[in-house]
Amino acid sequence: MIRSDFELLVQDDFREFKRVAQEYMDLVQEDGDTAFRLMKESWALAQRWSEIQACSRKIKDMSKIDFAVTAFKDWAYQKYRQMQNVHDSTRMIWSRANEEATWLKRQGLSRKDLK
């Protein structure tokens, strides 16, 4: 992965972004509980990245690092969009896993019975 200098400006937020992104990459379709948790966390992170983007001028003024505000805003917007996509995707995964669990329960089966 190519590192961005912008990561230094919002280290804690970027660490959380990377954690959620990695959990999303490791998510399996059947794991509705993790999908539900990631759905909520990615929504909150999307809101955070939207705020970071909106405050980009303030972040520059408070920073000791010189950077182009427009480039930082674009970078933050991409993080926002990625978390929005994770939110949408995990919402669908959670919904499908929940529907499958309900169907299995009605059939008197478990996931183990399908293997």
PDB file of N, CA and C in Angstrom:
ATOM      1  N   MET A   1       0.844  -1.176   0.000  1.00  0.00           N
ATOM      2  CA  MET A   1       0.000   0.000   0.000  1.00  0.00           C
ATOM      3  C   MET A   1       0.889   1.238   0.000  1.00  0.00           C
ATOM      4  N   ILE A   2       0.556   2.185  -0.826  1.00  0.00           N
ATOM      5  CA  ILE A   2       1.292   3.448  -0.877  1.00  0.00           C
ATOM      6  C   ILE A   2       0.792   4.337   0.258  1.00  0.00           C
ATOM      7  N   ARG A   3       1.716   4.839   1.007  1.00  0.00           N
ATOM      8  CA  ARG A   3       1.356   5.704   2.135  1.00  0.00           C
ATOM      9  C   ARG A   3       1.233   7.143   1.672  1.00  0.00           C
ATOM     10  N   SER A   4       0.318   7.857   2.241  1.00  0.00           N
ATOM     11  CA  SER A   4       0.119   9.266   1.950  1.00  0.00           C
ATOM     12  C   SER A   4       0.648  10.100   3.115  1.00  0.00           C
ATOM     13  N   ASP A   5       1.240  11.228   2.798  1.00  0.00           N
ATOM     14  CA  ASP A   5       1.689  12.151   3.850  1.00  0.00           C
ATOM     15  C   ASP A   5       0.507  12.659   4.667  1.00  0.00           C
ATOM     16  N   PHE A   6      -0.680  12.655   4.073  1.00  0.00           N
ATOM     17  CA  PHE A   6      -1.868  13.130   4.782  1.00  0.00           C
ATOM     18  C   PHE A   6      -2.203  12.267   5.998  1.00  0.00           C
ATOM     19  N   GLU A   7      -1.769  11.013   5.977  1.00  0.00           N
ATOM     20  CA  GLU A   7      -2.031  10.121   7.109  1.00  0.00           C
ATOM     21  C   GLU A   7      -1.498  10.711   8.415  1.00  0.00           C
ATOM     22  N   LEU A   8      -0.414  11.468   8.314  1.00  0.00           N
ATOM     23  CA  LEU A   8       0.187  12.071   9.508  1.00  0.00           C
ATOM     24  C   LEU A   8      -0.697  13.139  10.127  1.00  0.00           C
ATOM     25  N   LEU A   9      -1.560  13.739   9.330  1.00  0.00           N
ATOM     26  CA  LEU A   9      -2.416  14.821   9.817  1.00  0.00           C
ATOM     27  C   LEU A   9      -3.574  14.317  10.675  1.00  0.00           C
ATOM     28  N   VAL A  10      -4.050  13.138  10.365  1.00  0.00           N
ATOM     29  CA  VAL A  10      -5.204  12.568  11.082  1.00  0.00           C
ATOM     30  C   VAL A  10      -4.908  11.107  11.419  1.00  0.00           C
ATOM     31  N   GLN A  11      -3.869  10.894  12.182  1.00  0.00           N
ATOM     32  CA  GLN A  11      -3.357   9.543  12.438  1.00  0.00           C
ATOM     33  C   GLN A  11      -4.384   8.613  13.076  1.00  0.00           C
ATOM     34  N   ASP A  12      -5.059   9.067  14.115  1.00  0.00           N
ATOM     35  CA  ASP A  12      -6.036   8.206  14.794  1.00  0.00           C
ATOM     36  C   ASP A  12      -7.197   7.846  13.871  1.00  0.00           C
ATOM     37  N   ASP A  13      -7.677   8.826  13.124  1.00  0.00           N
ATOM     38  CA  ASP A  13      -8.783   8.573  12.197  1.00  0.00           C
ATOM     39  C   ASP A  13      -8.356   7.614  11.091  1.00  0.00           C
ATOM     40  N   PHE A  14      -7.143   7.789  10.596  1.00  0.00           N
ATOM     41  CA  PHE A  14      -6.673   6.902   9.541  1.00  0.00           C
ATOM     42  C   PHE A  14      -6.453   5.492  10.065  1.00  0.00           C
ATOM     43  N   ARG A  15      -5.996   5.369  11.295  1.00  0.00           N
ATOM     44  CA  ARG A  15      -5.822   4.047  11.911  1.00  0.00           C
ATOM     45  C   ARG A  15      -7.171   3.319  11.991  1.00  0.00           C
ATOM     46  N   GLU A  16      -8.202   4.037  12.379  1.00  0.00           N
ATOM     47  CA  GLU A  16      -9.548   3.445  12.439  1.00  0.00           C
ATOM     48  C   GLU A  16     -10.042   3.079  11.039  1.00  0.00           C
ATOM     49  N   PHE A  17      -9.763   3.945  10.070  1.00  0.00           N
ATOM     50  CA  PHE A  17     -10.128   3.663   8.685  1.00  0.00           C
ATOM     51  C   PHE A  17      -9.485   2.361   8.226  1.00  0.00           C
ATOM     52  N   LYS A  18      -8.191   2.213   8.478  1.00  0.00           N
ATOM     53  CA  LYS A  18      -7.467   1.013   8.063  1.00  0.00           C
ATOM     54  C   LYS A  18      -7.998  -0.232   8.765  1.00  0.00           C
ATOM     55  N   ARG A  19      -8.332  -0.116  10.049  1.00  0.00           N
ATOM     56  CA  ARG A  19      -8.848  -1.248  10.807  1.00  0.00           C
ATOM     57  C   ARG A  19     -10.172  -1.734  10.218  1.00  0.00           C
ATOM     58  N   VAL A  20     -11.089  -0.794   9.981  1.00  0.00           N
ATOM     59  CA  VAL A  20     -12.393  -1.167   9.428  1.00  0.00           C
ATOM     60  C   VAL A  20     -12.232  -1.712   8.007  1.00  0.00           C
ATOM     61  N   ALA A  21     -11.369  -1.090   7.217  1.00  0.00           N
ATOM     62  CA  ALA A  21     -11.142  -1.564   5.852  1.00  0.00           C
ATOM     63  C   ALA A  21     -10.600  -2.994   5.861  1.00  0.00           C
ATOM     64  N   GLN A  22      -9.688  -3.294   6.768  1.00  0.00           N
ATOM     65  CA  GLN A  22      -9.129  -4.645   6.839  1.00  0.00           C
ATOM     66  C   GLN A  22     -10.184  -5.654   7.292  1.00  0.00           C
ATOM     67  N   GLU A  23     -10.983  -5.287   8.281  1.00  0.00           N
ATOM     68  CA  GLU A  23     -12.048  -6.181   8.727  1.00  0.00           C
ATOM     69  C   GLU A  23     -13.048  -6.431   7.602  1.00  0.00           C
ATOM     70  N   TYR A  24     -13.310  -5.397   6.831  1.00  0.00           N
ATOM     71  CA  TYR A  24     -14.219  -5.545   5.692  1.00  0.00           C
ATOM     72  C   TYR A  24     -13.628  -6.514   4.660  1.00  0.00           C
ATOM     73  N   MET A  25     -12.348  -6.384   4.389  1.00  0.00           N
ATOM     74  CA  MET A  25     -11.696  -7.262   3.425  1.00  0.00           C
ATOM     75  C   MET A  25     -11.709  -8.721   3.905  1.00  0.00           C
ATOM     76  N   ASP A  26     -11.696  -8.933   5.214  1.00  0.00           N
ATOM     77  CA  ASP A  26     -11.694 -10.282   5.782  1.00  0.00           C
ATOM     78  C   ASP A  26     -13.112 -10.839   5.992  1.00  0.00           C
ATOM     79  N   LEU A  27     -14.128 -10.025   5.804  1.00  0.00           N
ATOM     80  CA  LEU A  27     -15.514 -10.414   6.068  1.00  0.00           C
ATOM     81  C   LEU A  27     -15.983 -11.504   5.093  1.00  0.00           C
ATOM     82  N   VAL A  28     -16.666 -12.487   5.643  1.00  0.00           N
ATOM     83  CA  VAL A  28     -17.276 -13.526   4.812  1.00  0.00           C
ATOM     84  C   VAL A  28     -18.790 -13.297   4.787  1.00  0.00           C
ATOM     85  N   GLN A  29     -19.405 -13.716   3.706  1.00  0.00           N
ATOM     86  CA  GLN A  29     -20.820 -13.462   3.480  1.00  0.00           C
ATOM     87  C   GLN A  29     -21.723 -13.909   4.611  1.00  0.00           C
ATOM     88  N   GLU A  30     -21.360 -14.991   5.247  1.00  0.00           N
ATOM     89  CA  GLU A  30     -22.245 -15.578   6.254  1.00  0.00           C
ATOM     90  C   GLU A  30     -22.138 -14.915   7.618  1.00  0.00           C
ATOM     91  N   ASP A  31     -21.194 -14.022   7.802  1.00  0.00           N
ATOM     92  CA  ASP A  31     -20.946 -13.427   9.115  1.00  0.00           C
ATOM     93  C   ASP A  31     -21.777 -12.160   9.321  1.00  0.00           C
ATOM     94  N   GLY A  32     -23.047 -12.377   9.591  1.00  0.00           N
ATOM     95  CA  GLY A  32     -23.971 -11.270   9.768  1.00  0.00           C
ATOM     96  C   GLY A  32     -23.657 -10.395  10.973  1.00  0.00           C
ATOM     97  N   ASP A  33     -23.165 -10.988  12.053  1.00  0.00           N
ATOM     98  CA  ASP A  33     -22.866 -10.210  13.258  1.00  0.00           C
ATOM     99  C   ASP A  33     -21.746  -9.208  13.007  1.00  0.00           C
ATOM    100  N   THR A  34     -20.675  -9.670  12.347  1.00  0.00           N
ATOM    101  CA  THR A  34     -19.570  -8.761  12.032  1.00  0.00           C
ATOM    102  C   THR A  34     -20.022  -7.723  11.020  1.00  0.00           C
ATOM    103  N   ALA A  35     -20.817  -8.137  10.040  1.00  0.00           N
ATOM    104  CA  ALA A  35     -21.327  -7.194   9.039  1.00  0.00           C
ATOM    105  C   ALA A  35     -22.158  -6.101   9.709  1.00  0.00           C
ATOM    106  N   PHE A  36     -22.981  -6.484  10.679  1.00  0.00           N
ATOM    107  CA  PHE A  36     -23.809  -5.497  11.385  1.00  0.00           C
ATOM    108  C   PHE A  36     -22.936  -4.494  12.133  1.00  0.00           C
ATOM    109  N   ARG A  37     -21.911  -5.001  12.819  1.00  0.00           N
ATOM    110  CA  ARG A  37     -21.006  -4.111  13.554  1.00  0.00           C
ATOM    111  C   ARG A  37     -20.260  -3.184  12.589  1.00  0.00           C
ATOM    112  N   LEU A  38     -19.744  -3.749  11.496  1.00  0.00           N
ATOM    113  CA  LEU A  38     -19.029  -2.930  10.519  1.00  0.00           C
ATOM    114  C   LEU A  38     -19.949  -1.917   9.840  1.00  0.00           C
ATOM    115  N   MET A  39     -21.202  -2.286   9.660  1.00  0.00           N
ATOM    116  CA  MET A  39     -22.174  -1.367   9.077  1.00  0.00           C
ATOM    117  C   MET A  39     -22.275  -0.102   9.938  1.00  0.00           C
ATOM    118  N   LYS A  40     -22.369  -0.298  11.244  1.00  0.00           N
ATOM    119  CA  LYS A  40     -22.482   0.853  12.146  1.00  0.00           C
ATOM    120  C   LYS A  40     -21.171   1.627  12.244  1.00  0.00           C
ATOM    121  N   GLU A  41     -20.058   0.912  12.351  1.00  0.00           N
ATOM    122  CA  GLU A  41     -18.764   1.586  12.471  1.00  0.00           C
ATOM    123  C   GLU A  41     -18.416   2.357  11.208  1.00  0.00           C
ATOM    124  N   SER A  42     -18.695   1.788  10.047  1.00  0.00           N
ATOM    125  CA  SER A  42     -18.365   2.481   8.797  1.00  0.00           C
ATOM    126  C   SER A  42     -19.242   3.706   8.604  1.00  0.00           C
ATOM    127  N   TRP A  43     -20.485   3.655   9.055  1.00  0.00           N
ATOM    128  CA  TRP A  43     -21.339   4.839   8.983  1.00  0.00           C
ATOM    129  C   TRP A  43     -20.745   5.963   9.830  1.00  0.00           C
ATOM    130  N   ALA A  44     -20.344   5.625  11.054  1.00  0.00           N
ATOM    131  CA  ALA A  44     -19.756   6.635  11.940  1.00  0.00           C
ATOM    132  C   ALA A  44     -18.455   7.180  11.348  1.00  0.00           C
ATOM    133  N   LEU A  45     -17.639   6.309  10.783  1.00  0.00           N
ATOM    134  CA  LEU A  45     -16.385   6.774  10.172  1.00  0.00           C
ATOM    135  C   LEU A  45     -16.640   7.616   8.936  1.00  0.00           C
ATOM    136  N   ALA A  46     -17.651   7.277   8.159  1.00  0.00           N
ATOM    137  CA  ALA A  46     -17.986   8.114   6.997  1.00  0.00           C
ATOM    138  C   ALA A  46     -18.342   9.520   7.462  1.00  0.00           C
ATOM    139  N   GLN A  47     -19.103   9.612   8.535  1.00  0.00           N
ATOM    140  CA  GLN A  47     -19.447  10.935   9.062  1.00  0.00           C
ATOM    141  C   GLN A  47     -18.198  11.678   9.538  1.00  0.00           C
ATOM    142  N   ARG A  48     -17.304  10.954  10.162  1.00  0.00           N
ATOM    143  CA  ARG A  48     -16.045  11.555  10.636  1.00  0.00           C
ATOM    144  C   ARG A  48     -15.218  12.077   9.469  1.00  0.00           C
ATOM    145  N   TRP A  49     -15.105  11.269   8.399  1.00  0.00           N
ATOM    146  CA  TRP A  49     -14.315  11.713   7.240  1.00  0.00           C
ATOM    147  C   TRP A  49     -14.978  12.871   6.518  1.00  0.00           C
ATOM    148  N   SER A  50     -16.289  12.932   6.558  1.00  0.00           N
ATOM    149  CA  SER A  50     -16.990  14.089   5.999  1.00  0.00           C
ATOM    150  C   SER A  50     -16.639  15.351   6.792  1.00  0.00           C
ATOM    151  N   GLU A  51     -16.579  15.201   8.102  1.00  0.00           N
ATOM    152  CA  GLU A  51     -16.200  16.326   8.973  1.00  0.00           C
ATOM    153  C   GLU A  51     -14.745  16.739   8.722  1.00  0.00           C
ATOM    154  N   ILE A  52     -13.872  15.766   8.569  1.00  0.00           N
ATOM    155  CA  ILE A  52     -12.459  16.065   8.284  1.00  0.00           C
ATOM    156  C   ILE A  52     -12.355  16.848   6.981  1.00  0.00           C
ATOM    157  N   GLN A  53     -13.082  16.408   5.984  1.00  0.00           N
ATOM    158  CA  GLN A  53     -13.059  17.112   4.705  1.00  0.00           C
ATOM    159  C   GLN A  53     -13.557  18.547   4.873  1.00  0.00           C
ATOM    160  N   ALA A  54     -14.636  18.724   5.601  1.00  0.00           N
ATOM    161  CA  ALA A  54     -15.203  20.055   5.802  1.00  0.00           C
ATOM    162  C   ALA A  54     -14.268  20.974   6.586  1.00  0.00           C
ATOM    163  N   CYS A  55     -13.457  20.383   7.441  1.00  0.00           N
ATOM    164  CA  CYS A  55     -12.547  21.166   8.289  1.00  0.00           C
ATOM    165  C   CYS A  55     -11.122  21.208   7.741  1.00  0.00           C
ATOM    166  N   SER A  56     -10.955  20.925   6.473  1.00  0.00           N
ATOM    167  CA  SER A  56      -9.604  20.825   5.923  1.00  0.00           C
ATOM    168  C   SER A  56      -8.799  22.116   6.063  1.00  0.00           C
ATOM    169  N   ARG A  57      -9.437  23.257   5.920  1.00  0.00           N
ATOM    170  CA  ARG A  57      -8.724  24.538   6.079  1.00  0.00           C
ATOM    171  C   ARG A  57      -8.256  24.686   7.532  1.00  0.00           C
ATOM    172  N   LYS A  58      -9.120  24.364   8.471  1.00  0.00           N
ATOM    173  CA  LYS A  58      -8.760  24.448   9.881  1.00  0.00           C
ATOM    174  C   LYS A  58      -7.617  23.483  10.216  1.00  0.00           C
ATOM    175  N   ILE A  59      -7.674  22.286   9.645  1.00  0.00           N
ATOM    176  CA  ILE A  59      -6.611  21.299   9.877  1.00  0.00           C
ATOM    177  C   ILE A  59      -5.288  21.831   9.349  1.00  0.00           C
ATOM    178  N   LYS A  60      -5.317  22.471   8.177  1.00  0.00           N
ATOM    179  CA  LYS A  60      -4.084  23.041   7.624  1.00  0.00           C
ATOM    180  C   LYS A  60      -3.553  24.147   8.531  1.00  0.00           C
ATOM    181  N   ASP A  61      -4.429  25.013   9.002  1.00  0.00           N
ATOM    182  CA  ASP A  61      -4.011  26.124   9.856  1.00  0.00           C
ATOM    183  C   ASP A  61      -3.407  25.632  11.172  1.00  0.00           C
ATOM    184  N   MET A  62      -3.883  24.498  11.677  1.00  0.00           N
ATOM    185  CA  MET A  62      -3.385  23.956  12.941  1.00  0.00           C
ATOM    186  C   MET A  62      -2.146  23.075  12.756  1.00  0.00           C
ATOM    187  N   SER A  63      -1.879  22.697  11.517  1.00  0.00           N
ATOM    188  CA  SER A  63      -0.798  21.764  11.243  1.00  0.00           C
ATOM    189  C   SER A  63       0.544  22.465  11.065  1.00  0.00           C
ATOM    190  N   LYS A  64       1.599  21.739  11.369  1.00  0.00           N
ATOM    191  CA  LYS A  64       2.951  22.234  11.124  1.00  0.00           C
ATOM    192  C   LYS A  64       3.436  21.795   9.745  1.00  0.00           C
ATOM    193  N   ILE A  65       2.615  20.989   9.076  1.00  0.00           N
ATOM    194  CA  ILE A  65       2.946  20.482   7.749  1.00  0.00           C
ATOM    195  C   ILE A  65       2.246  21.341   6.703  1.00  0.00           C
ATOM    196  N   ASP A  66       2.986  21.736   5.684  1.00  0.00           N
ATOM    197  CA  ASP A  66       2.395  22.507   4.600  1.00  0.00           C
ATOM    198  C   ASP A  66       1.826  21.542   3.561  1.00  0.00           C
ATOM    199  N   PHE A  67       0.598  21.758   3.151  1.00  0.00           N
ATOM    200  CA  PHE A  67      -0.028  20.898   2.141  1.00  0.00           C
ATOM    201  C   PHE A  67      -1.107  21.682   1.403  1.00  0.00           C
ATOM    202  N   ALA A  68      -1.461  21.161   0.239  1.00  0.00           N
ATOM    203  CA  ALA A  68      -2.527  21.763  -0.564  1.00  0.00           C
ATOM    204  C   ALA A  68      -3.874  21.343   0.012  1.00  0.00           C
ATOM    205  N   VAL A  69      -4.674  22.308   0.388  1.00  0.00           N
ATOM    206  CA  VAL A  69      -5.975  22.029   0.995  1.00  0.00           C
ATOM    207  C   VAL A  69      -6.859  21.225   0.040  1.00  0.00           C
ATOM    208  N   THR A  70      -6.847  21.573  -1.223  1.00  0.00           N
ATOM    209  CA  THR A  70      -7.681  20.871  -2.198  1.00  0.00           C
ATOM    210  C   THR A  70      -7.305  19.397  -2.290  1.00  0.00           C
ATOM    211  N   ALA A  71      -6.024  19.117  -2.324  1.00  0.00           N
ATOM    212  CA  ALA A  71      -5.576  17.725  -2.387  1.00  0.00           C
ATOM    213  C   ALA A  71      -5.989  16.971  -1.122  1.00  0.00           C
ATOM    214  N   PHE A  72      -5.870  17.618   0.026  1.00  0.00           N
ATOM    215  CA  PHE A  72      -6.272  16.983   1.284  1.00  0.00           C
ATOM    216  C   PHE A  72      -7.773  16.723   1.298  1.00  0.00           C
ATOM    217  N   LYS A  73      -8.552  17.704   0.834  1.00  0.00           N
ATOM    218  CA  LYS A  73     -10.005  17.528   0.772  1.00  0.00           C
ATOM    219  C   LYS A  73     -10.369  16.350  -0.118  1.00  0.00           C
ATOM    220  N   ASP A  74      -9.702  16.244  -1.267  1.00  0.00           N
ATOM    221  CA  ASP A  74      -9.968  15.121  -2.175  1.00  0.00           C
ATOM    222  C   ASP A  74      -9.627  13.795  -1.511  1.00  0.00           C
ATOM    223  N   TRP A  75      -8.507  13.750  -0.821  1.00  0.00           N
ATOM    224  CA  TRP A  75      -8.072  12.536  -0.124  1.00  0.00           C
ATOM    225  C   TRP A  75      -9.095  12.148   0.948  1.00  0.00           C
ATOM    226  N   ALA A  76      -9.520  13.134   1.742  1.00  0.00           N
ATOM    227  CA  ALA A  76     -10.502  12.873   2.797  1.00  0.00           C
ATOM    228  C   ALA A  76     -11.842  12.439   2.202  1.00  0.00           C
ATOM    229  N   TYR A  77     -12.210  13.038   1.078  1.00  0.00           N
ATOM    230  CA  TYR A  77     -13.460  12.655   0.419  1.00  0.00           C
ATOM    231  C   TYR A  77     -13.402  11.201  -0.024  1.00  0.00           C
ATOM    232  N   GLN A  78     -12.275  10.760  -0.521  1.00  0.00           N
ATOM    233  CA  GLN A  78     -12.132   9.360  -0.937  1.00  0.00           C
ATOM    234  C   GLN A  78     -12.298   8.423   0.256  1.00  0.00           C
ATOM    235  N   LYS A  79     -11.786   8.811   1.401  1.00  0.00           N
ATOM    236  CA  LYS A  79     -11.960   7.993   2.616  1.00  0.00           C
ATOM    237  C   LYS A  79     -13.435   7.962   3.013  1.00  0.00           C
ATOM    238  N   TYR A  80     -14.099   9.106   2.907  1.00  0.00           N
ATOM    239  CA  TYR A  80     -15.529   9.187   3.191  1.00  0.00           C
ATOM    240  C   TYR A  80     -16.309   8.238   2.277  1.00  0.00           C
ATOM    241  N   ARG A  81     -16.035   8.300   0.970  1.00  0.00           N
ATOM    242  CA  ARG A  81     -16.743   7.466   0.000  1.00  0.00           C
ATOM    243  C   ARG A  81     -16.480   5.980   0.237  1.00  0.00           C
ATOM    244  N   GLN A  82     -15.244   5.652   0.573  1.00  0.00           N
ATOM    245  CA  GLN A  82     -14.933   4.246   0.828  1.00  0.00           C
ATOM    246  C   GLN A  82     -15.704   3.734   2.036  1.00  0.00           C
ATOM    247  N   MET A  83     -15.805   4.542   3.071  1.00  0.00           N
ATOM    248  CA  MET A  83     -16.573   4.111   4.245  1.00  0.00           C
ATOM    249  C   MET A  83     -18.061   4.043   3.928  1.00  0.00           C
ATOM    250  N   GLN A  84     -18.557   4.928   3.064  1.00  0.00           N
ATOM    251  CA  GLN A  84     -19.953   4.850   2.634  1.00  0.00           C
ATOM    252  C   GLN A  84     -20.190   3.543   1.882  1.00  0.00           C
ATOM    253  N   ASN A  85     -19.248   3.182   1.017  1.00  0.00           N
ATOM    254  CA  ASN A  85     -19.376   1.932   0.265  1.00  0.00           C
ATOM    255  C   ASN A  85     -19.324   0.725   1.190  1.00  0.00           C
ATOM    256  N   VAL A  86     -18.453   0.764   2.180  1.00  0.00           N
ATOM    257  CA  VAL A  86     -18.389  -0.337   3.166  1.00  0.00           C
ATOM    258  C   VAL A  86     -19.718  -0.417   3.906  1.00  0.00           C
ATOM    259  N   HIS A  87     -20.252   0.728   4.282  1.00  0.00           N
ATOM    260  CA  HIS A  87     -21.535   0.755   4.987  1.00  0.00           C
ATOM    261  C   HIS A  87     -22.630   0.107   4.138  1.00  0.00           C
ATOM    262  N   ASP A  88     -22.738   0.521   2.881  1.00  0.00           N
ATOM    263  CA  ASP A  88     -23.776  -0.021   2.004  1.00  0.00           C
ATOM    264  C   ASP A  88     -23.598  -1.523   1.787  1.00  0.00           C
ATOM    265  N   SER A  89     -22.380  -1.932   1.559  1.00  0.00           N
ATOM    266  CA  SER A  89     -22.093  -3.340   1.298  1.00  0.00           C
ATOM    267  C   SER A  89     -22.360  -4.209   2.526  1.00  0.00           C
ATOM    268  N   THR A  90     -21.903  -3.768   3.680  1.00  0.00           N
ATOM    269  CA  THR A  90     -22.114  -4.562   4.895  1.00  0.00           C
ATOM    270  C   THR A  90     -23.588  -4.597   5.285  1.00  0.00           C
ATOM    271  N   ARG A  91     -24.309  -3.543   4.962  1.00  0.00           N
ATOM    272  CA  ARG A  91     -25.749  -3.543   5.225  1.00  0.00           C
ATOM    273  C   ARG A  91     -26.420  -4.640   4.414  1.00  0.00           C
ATOM    274  N   MET A  92     -26.005  -4.798   3.157  1.00  0.00           N
ATOM    275  CA  MET A  92     -26.571  -5.858   2.311  1.00  0.00           C
ATOM    276  C   MET A  92     -26.151  -7.240   2.816  1.00  0.00           C
ATOM    277  N   ILE A  93     -24.881  -7.379   3.202  1.00  0.00           N
ATOM    278  CA  ILE A  93     -24.399  -8.670   3.715  1.00  0.00           C
ATOM    279  C   ILE A  93     -25.155  -9.036   4.986  1.00  0.00           C
ATOM    280  N   TRP A  94     -25.322  -8.084   5.888  1.00  0.00           N
ATOM    281  CA  TRP A  94     -26.046  -8.334   7.128  1.00  0.00           C
ATOM    282  C   TRP A  94     -27.488  -8.744   6.832  1.00  0.00           C
ATOM    283  N   SER A  95     -28.126  -8.027   5.919  1.00  0.00           N
ATOM    284  CA  SER A  95     -29.515  -8.326   5.589  1.00  0.00           C
ATOM    285  C   SER A  95     -29.664  -9.741   5.024  1.00  0.00           C
ATOM    286  N   ARG A  96     -28.791 -10.104   4.108  1.00  0.00           N
ATOM    287  CA  ARG A  96     -28.860 -11.447   3.515  1.00  0.00           C
ATOM    288  C   ARG A  96     -28.567 -12.534   4.553  1.00  0.00           C
ATOM    289  N   ALA A  97     -27.566 -12.293   5.398  1.00  0.00           N
ATOM    290  CA  ALA A  97     -27.231 -13.278   6.434  1.00  0.00           C
ATOM    291  C   ALA A  97     -28.401 -13.427   7.401  1.00  0.00           C
ATOM    292  N   ASN A  98     -29.047 -12.322   7.719  1.00  0.00           N
ATOM    293  CA  ASN A  98     -30.193 -12.344   8.618  1.00  0.00           C
ATOM    294  C   ASN A  98     -31.365 -13.103   7.982  1.00  0.00           C
ATOM    295  N   GLU A  99     -31.623 -12.860   6.705  1.00  0.00           N
ATOM    296  CA  GLU A  99     -32.686 -13.574   5.999  1.00  0.00           C
ATOM    297  C   GLU A  99     -32.393 -15.082   5.954  1.00  0.00           C
ATOM    298  N   GLU A 100     -31.132 -15.411   5.689  1.00  0.00           N
ATOM    299  CA  GLU A 100     -30.757 -16.831   5.626  1.00  0.00           C
ATOM    300  C   GLU A 100     -30.924 -17.501   6.989  1.00  0.00           C
ATOM    301  N   ALA A 101     -30.504 -16.820   8.047  1.00  0.00           N
ATOM    302  CA  ALA A 101     -30.636 -17.378   9.392  1.00  0.00           C
ATOM    303  C   ALA A 101     -32.112 -17.596   9.739  1.00  0.00           C
ATOM    304  N   THR A 102     -32.964 -16.662   9.346  1.00  0.00           N
ATOM    305  CA  THR A 102     -34.400 -16.795   9.598  1.00  0.00           C
ATOM    306  C   THR A 102     -34.961 -17.986   8.833  1.00  0.00           C
ATOM    307  N   TRP A 103     -34.570 -18.127   7.565  1.00  0.00           N
ATOM    308  CA  TRP A 103     -35.037 -19.251   6.755  1.00  0.00           C
ATOM    309  C   TRP A 103     -34.588 -20.580   7.359  1.00  0.00           C
ATOM    310  N   LEU A 104     -33.310 -20.651   7.726  1.00  0.00           N
ATOM    311  CA  LEU A 104     -32.787 -21.883   8.321  1.00  0.00           C
ATOM    312  C   LEU A 104     -33.543 -22.246   9.595  1.00  0.00           C
ATOM    313  N   LYS A 105     -33.816 -21.241  10.401  1.00  0.00           N
ATOM    314  CA  LYS A 105     -34.533 -21.470  11.661  1.00  0.00           C
ATOM    315  C   LYS A 105     -35.928 -22.042  11.381  1.00  0.00           C
ATOM    316  N   ARG A 106     -36.606 -21.480  10.388  1.00  0.00           N
ATOM    317  CA  ARG A 106     -37.941 -21.971  10.024  1.00  0.00           C
ATOM    318  C   ARG A 106     -37.905 -23.405   9.511  1.00  0.00           C
ATOM    319  N   GLN A 107     -36.784 -23.754   8.878  1.00  0.00           N
ATOM    320  CA  GLN A 107     -36.633 -25.104   8.339  1.00  0.00           C
ATOM    321  C   GLN A 107     -36.119 -26.087   9.390  1.00  0.00           C
ATOM    322  N   GLY A 108     -35.780 -25.576  10.557  1.00  0.00           N
ATOM    323  CA  GLY A 108     -35.233 -26.424  11.603  1.00  0.00           C
ATOM    324  C   GLY A 108     -33.802 -26.852  11.307  1.00  0.00           C
ATOM    325  N   LEU A 109     -33.093 -26.047  10.543  1.00  0.00           N
ATOM    326  CA  LEU A 109     -31.717 -26.349  10.139  1.00  0.00           C
ATOM    327  C   LEU A 109     -30.750 -25.342  10.749  1.00  0.00           C
ATOM    328  N   SER A 110     -29.481 -25.658  10.620  1.00  0.00           N
ATOM    329  CA  SER A 110     -28.432 -24.707  10.999  1.00  0.00           C
ATOM    330  C   SER A 110     -27.464 -24.594   9.832  1.00  0.00           C
ATOM    331  N   ARG A 111     -26.577 -23.663   9.903  1.00  0.00           N
ATOM    332  CA  ARG A 111     -25.585 -23.465   8.842  1.00  0.00           C
ATOM    333  C   ARG A 111     -24.756 -24.734   8.649  1.00  0.00           C
ATOM    334  N   LYS A 112     -24.501 -25.437   9.737  1.00  0.00           N
ATOM    335  CA  LYS A 112     -23.705 -26.693   9.657  1.00  0.00           C
ATOM    336  C   LYS A 112     -24.405 -27.730   8.796  1.00  0.00           C
ATOM    337  N   ASP A 113     -25.740 -27.707   8.799  1.00  0.00           N
ATOM    338  CA  ASP A 113     -26.499 -28.688   8.020  1.00  0.00           C
ATOM    339  C   ASP A 113     -26.333 -28.471   6.514  1.00  0.00           C
ATOM    340  N   LEU A 114     -25.947 -27.276   6.114  1.00  0.00           N
ATOM    341  CA  LEU A 114     -25.803 -26.976   4.694  1.00  0.00           C
ATOM    342  C   LEU A 114     -24.481 -27.458   4.117  1.00  0.00           C
ATOM    343  N   LYS A 115     -23.539 -27.796   4.967  1.00  0.00           N
ATOM    344  CA  LYS A 115     -22.217 -28.192   4.489  1.00  0.00           C
ATOM    345  C   LYS A 115     -22.119 -29.643   4.198  1.00  0.00           C
TER     346      LYS A 115
END
